[in-house]
Amino acid sequence: MSTTQHATVEIQPEKYELYVEADREIYKRLGQSPGPEFLMSLMLENEDDPSDLADIYLHTILTSVGA
């Protein structure tokens, strides 16, 4: 049984907007999305382009299902 650790962090508004935009891009491509908070949990804050972040997430999904 795994446990989840919760943490409260502050994020700059422009970084949060990055995750919101990436979430919108995922929604456009899949018709559903995990939400910006989930994307933040992926700890990909080094990405500066929302399309790159969306691509990484989608690649992860496609790789996990063997597409």
PDB file of N, CA and C in Angstrom:
ATOM      1  N   MET A   1       0.848  -1.177   0.000  1.00  0.00           N
ATOM      2  CA  MET A   1       0.000   0.000   0.000  1.00  0.00           C
ATOM      3  C   MET A   1       0.892   1.239   0.000  1.00  0.00           C
ATOM      4  N   SER A   2       0.681   2.119  -0.953  1.00  0.00           N
ATOM      5  CA  SER A   2       1.505   3.317  -1.022  1.00  0.00           C
ATOM      6  C   SER A   2       0.849   4.462  -0.256  1.00  0.00           C
ATOM      7  N   THR A   3       1.674   5.379   0.170  1.00  0.00           N
ATOM      8  CA  THR A   3       1.158   6.558   0.852  1.00  0.00           C
ATOM      9  C   THR A   3       1.451   7.780   0.012  1.00  0.00           C
ATOM     10  N   THR A   4       0.663   8.791   0.176  1.00  0.00           N
ATOM     11  CA  THR A   4       0.845  10.042  -0.548  1.00  0.00           C
ATOM     12  C   THR A   4       1.285  11.110   0.429  1.00  0.00           C
ATOM     13  N   GLN A   5       2.284  11.858   0.018  1.00  0.00           N
ATOM     14  CA  GLN A   5       2.749  12.983   0.815  1.00  0.00           C
ATOM     15  C   GLN A   5       2.151  14.260   0.231  1.00  0.00           C
ATOM     16  N   HIS A   6       1.633  15.101   1.073  1.00  0.00           N
ATOM     17  CA  HIS A   6       1.068  16.373   0.635  1.00  0.00           C
ATOM     18  C   HIS A   6       2.038  17.488   0.994  1.00  0.00           C
ATOM     19  N   ALA A   7       2.146  18.447   0.107  1.00  0.00           N
ATOM     20  CA  ALA A   7       3.018  19.587   0.360  1.00  0.00           C
ATOM     21  C   ALA A   7       2.332  20.842  -0.157  1.00  0.00           C
ATOM     22  N   THR A   8       2.538  21.903   0.533  1.00  0.00           N
ATOM     23  CA  THR A   8       2.045  23.196   0.088  1.00  0.00           C
ATOM     24  C   THR A   8       3.234  23.975  -0.451  1.00  0.00           C
ATOM     25  N   VAL A   9       3.111  24.402  -1.676  1.00  0.00           N
ATOM     26  CA  VAL A   9       4.195  25.163  -2.299  1.00  0.00           C
ATOM     27  C   VAL A   9       3.619  26.409  -2.944  1.00  0.00           C
ATOM     28  N   GLU A  10       4.469  27.399  -3.067  1.00  0.00           N
ATOM     29  CA  GLU A  10       4.079  28.605  -3.799  1.00  0.00           C
ATOM     30  C   GLU A  10       4.662  28.494  -5.200  1.00  0.00           C
ATOM     31  N   ILE A  11       3.893  28.975  -6.156  1.00  0.00           N
ATOM     32  CA  ILE A  11       4.349  28.933  -7.540  1.00  0.00           C
ATOM     33  C   ILE A  11       4.081  30.304  -8.153  1.00  0.00           C
ATOM     34  N   GLN A  12       5.011  30.746  -8.956  1.00  0.00           N
ATOM     35  CA  GLN A  12       4.846  32.046  -9.601  1.00  0.00           C
ATOM     36  C   GLN A  12       3.659  31.982 -10.559  1.00  0.00           C
ATOM     37  N   PRO A  13       2.919  33.086 -10.663  1.00  0.00           N
ATOM     38  CA  PRO A  13       1.724  33.090 -11.526  1.00  0.00           C
ATOM     39  C   PRO A  13       2.016  32.669 -12.965  1.00  0.00           C
ATOM     40  N   GLU A  14       3.143  33.063 -13.514  1.00  0.00           N
ATOM     41  CA  GLU A  14       3.447  32.679 -14.897  1.00  0.00           C
ATOM     42  C   GLU A  14       3.728  31.180 -15.017  1.00  0.00           C
ATOM     43  N   LYS A  15       4.276  30.561 -13.982  1.00  0.00           N
ATOM     44  CA  LYS A  15       4.469  29.104 -13.999  1.00  0.00           C
ATOM     45  C   LYS A  15       3.118  28.393 -13.893  1.00  0.00           C
ATOM     46  N   TYR A  16       2.224  28.899 -13.041  1.00  0.00           N
ATOM     47  CA  TYR A  16       0.903  28.295 -12.925  1.00  0.00           C
ATOM     48  C   TYR A  16       0.178  28.377 -14.265  1.00  0.00           C
ATOM     49  N   GLU A  17       0.289  29.514 -14.928  1.00  0.00           N
ATOM     50  CA  GLU A  17      -0.355  29.694 -16.230  1.00  0.00           C
ATOM     51  C   GLU A  17       0.188  28.683 -17.245  1.00  0.00           C
ATOM     52  N   LEU A  18       1.454  28.338 -17.139  1.00  0.00           N
ATOM     53  CA  LEU A  18       2.043  27.317 -18.003  1.00  0.00           C
ATOM     54  C   LEU A  18       1.276  26.007 -17.868  1.00  0.00           C
ATOM     55  N   TYR A  19       0.994  25.608 -16.639  1.00  0.00           N
ATOM     56  CA  TYR A  19       0.266  24.361 -16.402  1.00  0.00           C
ATOM     57  C   TYR A  19      -1.184  24.458 -16.859  1.00  0.00           C
ATOM     58  N   VAL A  20      -1.796  25.603 -16.689  1.00  0.00           N
ATOM     59  CA  VAL A  20      -3.167  25.800 -17.156  1.00  0.00           C
ATOM     60  C   VAL A  20      -3.219  25.667 -18.679  1.00  0.00           C
ATOM     61  N   GLU A  21      -2.266  26.297 -19.369  1.00  0.00           N
ATOM     62  CA  GLU A  21      -2.221  26.219 -20.834  1.00  0.00           C
ATOM     63  C   GLU A  21      -1.945  24.791 -21.300  1.00  0.00           C
ATOM     64  N   ALA A  22      -1.047  24.106 -20.629  1.00  0.00           N
ATOM     65  CA  ALA A  22      -0.759  22.719 -20.989  1.00  0.00           C
ATOM     66  C   ALA A  22      -1.996  21.853 -20.790  1.00  0.00           C
ATOM     67  N   ASP A  23      -2.724  22.089 -19.707  1.00  0.00           N
ATOM     68  CA  ASP A  23      -3.948  21.344 -19.440  1.00  0.00           C
ATOM     69  C   ASP A  23      -4.968  21.586 -20.549  1.00  0.00           C
ATOM     70  N   ARG A  24      -5.082  22.822 -20.996  1.00  0.00           N
ATOM     71  CA  ARG A  24      -6.000  23.139 -22.108  1.00  0.00           C
ATOM     72  C   ARG A  24      -5.578  22.419 -23.386  1.00  0.00           C
ATOM     73  N   GLU A  25      -4.268  22.369 -23.639  1.00  0.00           N
ATOM     74  CA  GLU A  25      -3.750  21.690 -24.829  1.00  0.00           C
ATOM     75  C   GLU A  25      -4.079  20.198 -24.778  1.00  0.00           C
ATOM     76  N   ILE A  26      -3.924  19.596 -23.622  1.00  0.00           N
ATOM     77  CA  ILE A  26      -4.259  18.183 -23.450  1.00  0.00           C
ATOM     78  C   ILE A  26      -5.754  17.973 -23.690  1.00  0.00           C
ATOM     79  N   TYR A  27      -6.580  18.868 -23.157  1.00  0.00           N
ATOM     80  CA  TYR A  27      -8.019  18.759 -23.353  1.00  0.00           C
ATOM     81  C   TYR A  27      -8.377  18.835 -24.841  1.00  0.00           C
ATOM     82  N   LYS A  28      -7.728  19.746 -25.567  1.00  0.00           N
ATOM     83  CA  LYS A  28      -7.985  19.870 -27.006  1.00  0.00           C
ATOM     84  C   LYS A  28      -7.626  18.586 -27.738  1.00  0.00           C
ATOM     85  N   ARG A  29      -6.552  17.937 -27.315  1.00  0.00           N
ATOM     86  CA  ARG A  29      -6.086  16.747 -28.011  1.00  0.00           C
ATOM     87  C   ARG A  29      -6.846  15.482 -27.613  1.00  0.00           C
ATOM     88  N   LEU A  30      -7.239  15.376 -26.354  1.00  0.00           N
ATOM     89  CA  LEU A  30      -7.852  14.136 -25.870  1.00  0.00           C
ATOM     90  C   LEU A  30      -9.332  14.242 -25.537  1.00  0.00           C
ATOM     91  N   GLY A  31      -9.833  15.458 -25.366  1.00  0.00           N
ATOM     92  CA  GLY A  31     -11.224  15.617 -24.956  1.00  0.00           C
ATOM     93  C   GLY A  31     -11.407  15.540 -23.453  1.00  0.00           C
ATOM     94  N   GLN A  32     -10.347  15.328 -22.730  1.00  0.00           N
ATOM     95  CA  GLN A  32     -10.343  15.346 -21.271  1.00  0.00           C
ATOM     96  C   GLN A  32      -8.927  15.670 -20.822  1.00  0.00           C
ATOM     97  N   SER A  33      -8.792  16.079 -19.572  1.00  0.00           N
ATOM     98  CA  SER A  33      -7.473  16.456 -19.083  1.00  0.00           C
ATOM     99  C   SER A  33      -7.371  16.207 -17.582  1.00  0.00           C
ATOM    100  N   PRO A  34      -6.149  16.085 -17.080  1.00  0.00           N
ATOM    101  CA  PRO A  34      -5.968  15.755 -15.671  1.00  0.00           C
ATOM    102  C   PRO A  34      -6.069  16.946 -14.736  1.00  0.00           C
ATOM    103  N   GLY A  35      -5.990  18.151 -15.249  1.00  0.00           N
ATOM    104  CA  GLY A  35      -5.997  19.357 -14.422  1.00  0.00           C
ATOM    105  C   GLY A  35      -4.579  19.868 -14.193  1.00  0.00           C
ATOM    106  N   PRO A  36      -4.443  21.170 -14.050  1.00  0.00           N
ATOM    107  CA  PRO A  36      -3.107  21.749 -13.881  1.00  0.00           C
ATOM    108  C   PRO A  36      -2.395  21.258 -12.624  1.00  0.00           C
ATOM    109  N   GLU A  37      -3.145  20.964 -11.582  1.00  0.00           N
ATOM    110  CA  GLU A  37      -2.525  20.494 -10.340  1.00  0.00           C
ATOM    111  C   GLU A  37      -1.840  19.150 -10.545  1.00  0.00           C
ATOM    112  N   PHE A  38      -2.464  18.266 -11.318  1.00  0.00           N
ATOM    113  CA  PHE A  38      -1.831  16.984 -11.601  1.00  0.00           C
ATOM    114  C   PHE A  38      -0.549  17.191 -12.397  1.00  0.00           C
ATOM    115  N   LEU A  39      -0.610  18.071 -13.379  1.00  0.00           N
ATOM    116  CA  LEU A  39       0.592  18.339 -14.168  1.00  0.00           C
ATOM    117  C   LEU A  39       1.714  18.869 -13.282  1.00  0.00           C
ATOM    118  N   MET A  40       1.359  19.705 -12.326  1.00  0.00           N
ATOM    119  CA  MET A  40       2.378  20.215 -11.402  1.00  0.00           C
ATOM    120  C   MET A  40       2.985  19.072 -10.611  1.00  0.00           C
ATOM    121  N   SER A  41       2.184  18.073 -10.295  1.00  0.00           N
ATOM    122  CA  SER A  41       2.705  16.956  -9.517  1.00  0.00           C
ATOM    123  C   SER A  41       3.744  16.166 -10.305  1.00  0.00           C
ATOM    124  N   LEU A  42       3.770  16.324 -11.617  1.00  0.00           N
ATOM    125  CA  LEU A  42       4.777  15.658 -12.429  1.00  0.00           C
ATOM    126  C   LEU A  42       6.152  16.307 -12.271  1.00  0.00           C
ATOM    127  N   MET A  43       6.175  17.440 -11.617  1.00  0.00           N
ATOM    128  CA  MET A  43       7.414  18.158 -11.315  1.00  0.00           C
ATOM    129  C   MET A  43       8.219  18.470 -12.572  1.00  0.00           C
ATOM    130  N   LEU A  44       7.526  18.994 -13.558  1.00  0.00           N
ATOM    131  CA  LEU A  44       8.183  19.366 -14.804  1.00  0.00           C
ATOM    132  C   LEU A  44       8.310  20.881 -14.919  1.00  0.00           C
ATOM    133  N   GLU A  45       8.576  21.529 -13.823  1.00  0.00           N
ATOM    134  CA  GLU A  45       8.629  22.981 -13.826  1.00  0.00           C
ATOM    135  C   GLU A  45       9.757  23.552 -14.669  1.00  0.00           C
ATOM    136  N   ASN A  46      10.655  22.724 -15.139  1.00  0.00           N
ATOM    137  CA  ASN A  46      11.724  23.240 -15.977  1.00  0.00           C
ATOM    138  C   ASN A  46      11.268  23.478 -17.409  1.00  0.00           C
ATOM    139  N   GLU A  47      10.064  23.048 -17.741  1.00  0.00           N
ATOM    140  CA  GLU A  47       9.524  23.282 -19.083  1.00  0.00           C
ATOM    141  C   GLU A  47       9.011  24.714 -19.183  1.00  0.00           C
ATOM    142  N   ASP A  48       9.316  25.374 -20.289  1.00  0.00           N
ATOM    143  CA  ASP A  48       8.887  26.755 -20.482  1.00  0.00           C
ATOM    144  C   ASP A  48       7.815  26.912 -21.546  1.00  0.00           C
ATOM    145  N   ASP A  49       7.454  25.834 -22.221  1.00  0.00           N
ATOM    146  CA  ASP A  49       6.480  25.905 -23.299  1.00  0.00           C
ATOM    147  C   ASP A  49       5.324  24.960 -22.957  1.00  0.00           C
ATOM    148  N   PRO A  50       4.095  25.476 -22.881  1.00  0.00           N
ATOM    149  CA  PRO A  50       2.972  24.611 -22.535  1.00  0.00           C
ATOM    150  C   PRO A  50       2.780  23.452 -23.514  1.00  0.00           C
ATOM    151  N   SER A  51       3.098  23.656 -24.779  1.00  0.00           N
ATOM    152  CA  SER A  51       2.975  22.571 -25.755  1.00  0.00           C
ATOM    153  C   SER A  51       3.969  21.457 -25.443  1.00  0.00           C
ATOM    154  N   ASP A  52       5.183  21.829 -25.015  1.00  0.00           N
ATOM    155  CA  ASP A  52       6.172  20.815 -24.625  1.00  0.00           C
ATOM    156  C   ASP A  52       5.675  20.013 -23.435  1.00  0.00           C
ATOM    157  N   LEU A  53       5.118  20.689 -22.453  1.00  0.00           N
ATOM    158  CA  LEU A  53       4.605  19.998 -21.266  1.00  0.00           C
ATOM    159  C   LEU A  53       3.473  19.048 -21.647  1.00  0.00           C
ATOM    160  N   ALA A  54       2.572  19.513 -22.521  1.00  0.00           N
ATOM    161  CA  ALA A  54       1.481  18.655 -22.994  1.00  0.00           C
ATOM    162  C   ALA A  54       2.032  17.466 -23.764  1.00  0.00           C
ATOM    163  N   ASP A  55       3.033  17.698 -24.618  1.00  0.00           N
ATOM    164  CA  ASP A  55       3.651  16.614 -25.384  1.00  0.00           C
ATOM    165  C   ASP A  55       4.267  15.568 -24.463  1.00  0.00           C
ATOM    166  N   ILE A  56       4.958  16.001 -23.429  1.00  0.00           N
ATOM    167  CA  ILE A  56       5.583  15.071 -22.486  1.00  0.00           C
ATOM    168  C   ILE A  56       4.514  14.226 -21.804  1.00  0.00           C
ATOM    169  N   TYR A  57       3.442  14.853 -21.354  1.00  0.00           N
ATOM    170  CA  TYR A  57       2.364  14.120 -20.687  1.00  0.00           C
ATOM    171  C   TYR A  57       1.738  13.098 -21.640  1.00  0.00           C
ATOM    172  N   LEU A  58       1.414  13.545 -22.845  1.00  0.00           N
ATOM    173  CA  LEU A  58       0.779  12.647 -23.806  1.00  0.00           C
ATOM    174  C   LEU A  58       1.719  11.517 -24.209  1.00  0.00           C
ATOM    175  N   HIS A  59       2.986  11.804 -24.362  1.00  0.00           N
ATOM    176  CA  HIS A  59       3.962  10.767 -24.674  1.00  0.00           C
ATOM    177  C   HIS A  59       3.992   9.725 -23.556  1.00  0.00           C
ATOM    178  N   THR A  60       3.928  10.186 -22.322  1.00  0.00           N
ATOM    179  CA  THR A  60       3.920   9.281 -21.166  1.00  0.00           C
ATOM    180  C   THR A  60       2.717   8.347 -21.230  1.00  0.00           C
ATOM    181  N   ILE A  61       1.550   8.902 -21.565  1.00  0.00           N
ATOM    182  CA  ILE A  61       0.337   8.089 -21.661  1.00  0.00           C
ATOM    183  C   ILE A  61       0.474   7.064 -22.802  1.00  0.00           C
ATOM    184  N   LEU A  62       0.892   7.529 -23.970  1.00  0.00           N
ATOM    185  CA  LEU A  62       0.992   6.636 -25.119  1.00  0.00           C
ATOM    186  C   LEU A  62       2.021   5.539 -24.887  1.00  0.00           C
ATOM    187  N   THR A  63       3.107   5.859 -24.227  1.00  0.00           N
ATOM    188  CA  THR A  63       4.136   4.871 -23.926  1.00  0.00           C
ATOM    189  C   THR A  63       3.602   3.830 -22.943  1.00  0.00           C
ATOM    190  N   SER A  64       2.809   4.285 -21.978  1.00  0.00           N
ATOM    191  CA  SER A  64       2.319   3.352 -20.961  1.00  0.00           C
ATOM    192  C   SER A  64       1.269   2.388 -21.496  1.00  0.00           C
ATOM    193  N   VAL A  65       0.566   2.776 -22.551  1.00  0.00           N
ATOM    194  CA  VAL A  65      -0.447   1.880 -23.127  1.00  0.00           C
ATOM    195  C   VAL A  65       0.081   1.116 -24.331  1.00  0.00           C
ATOM    196  N   GLY A  66       1.326   1.354 -24.676  1.00  0.00           N
ATOM    197  CA  GLY A  66       1.951   0.611 -25.787  1.00  0.00           C
ATOM    198  C   GLY A  66       1.502   1.026 -27.151  1.00  0.00           C
ATOM    199  N   ALA A  67       1.067   2.298 -27.281  1.00  0.00           N
ATOM    200  CA  ALA A  67       0.604   2.763 -28.610  1.00  0.00           C
ATOM    201  C   ALA A  67       1.765   3.054 -29.525  1.00  0.00           C
TER     202      ALA A  67
END
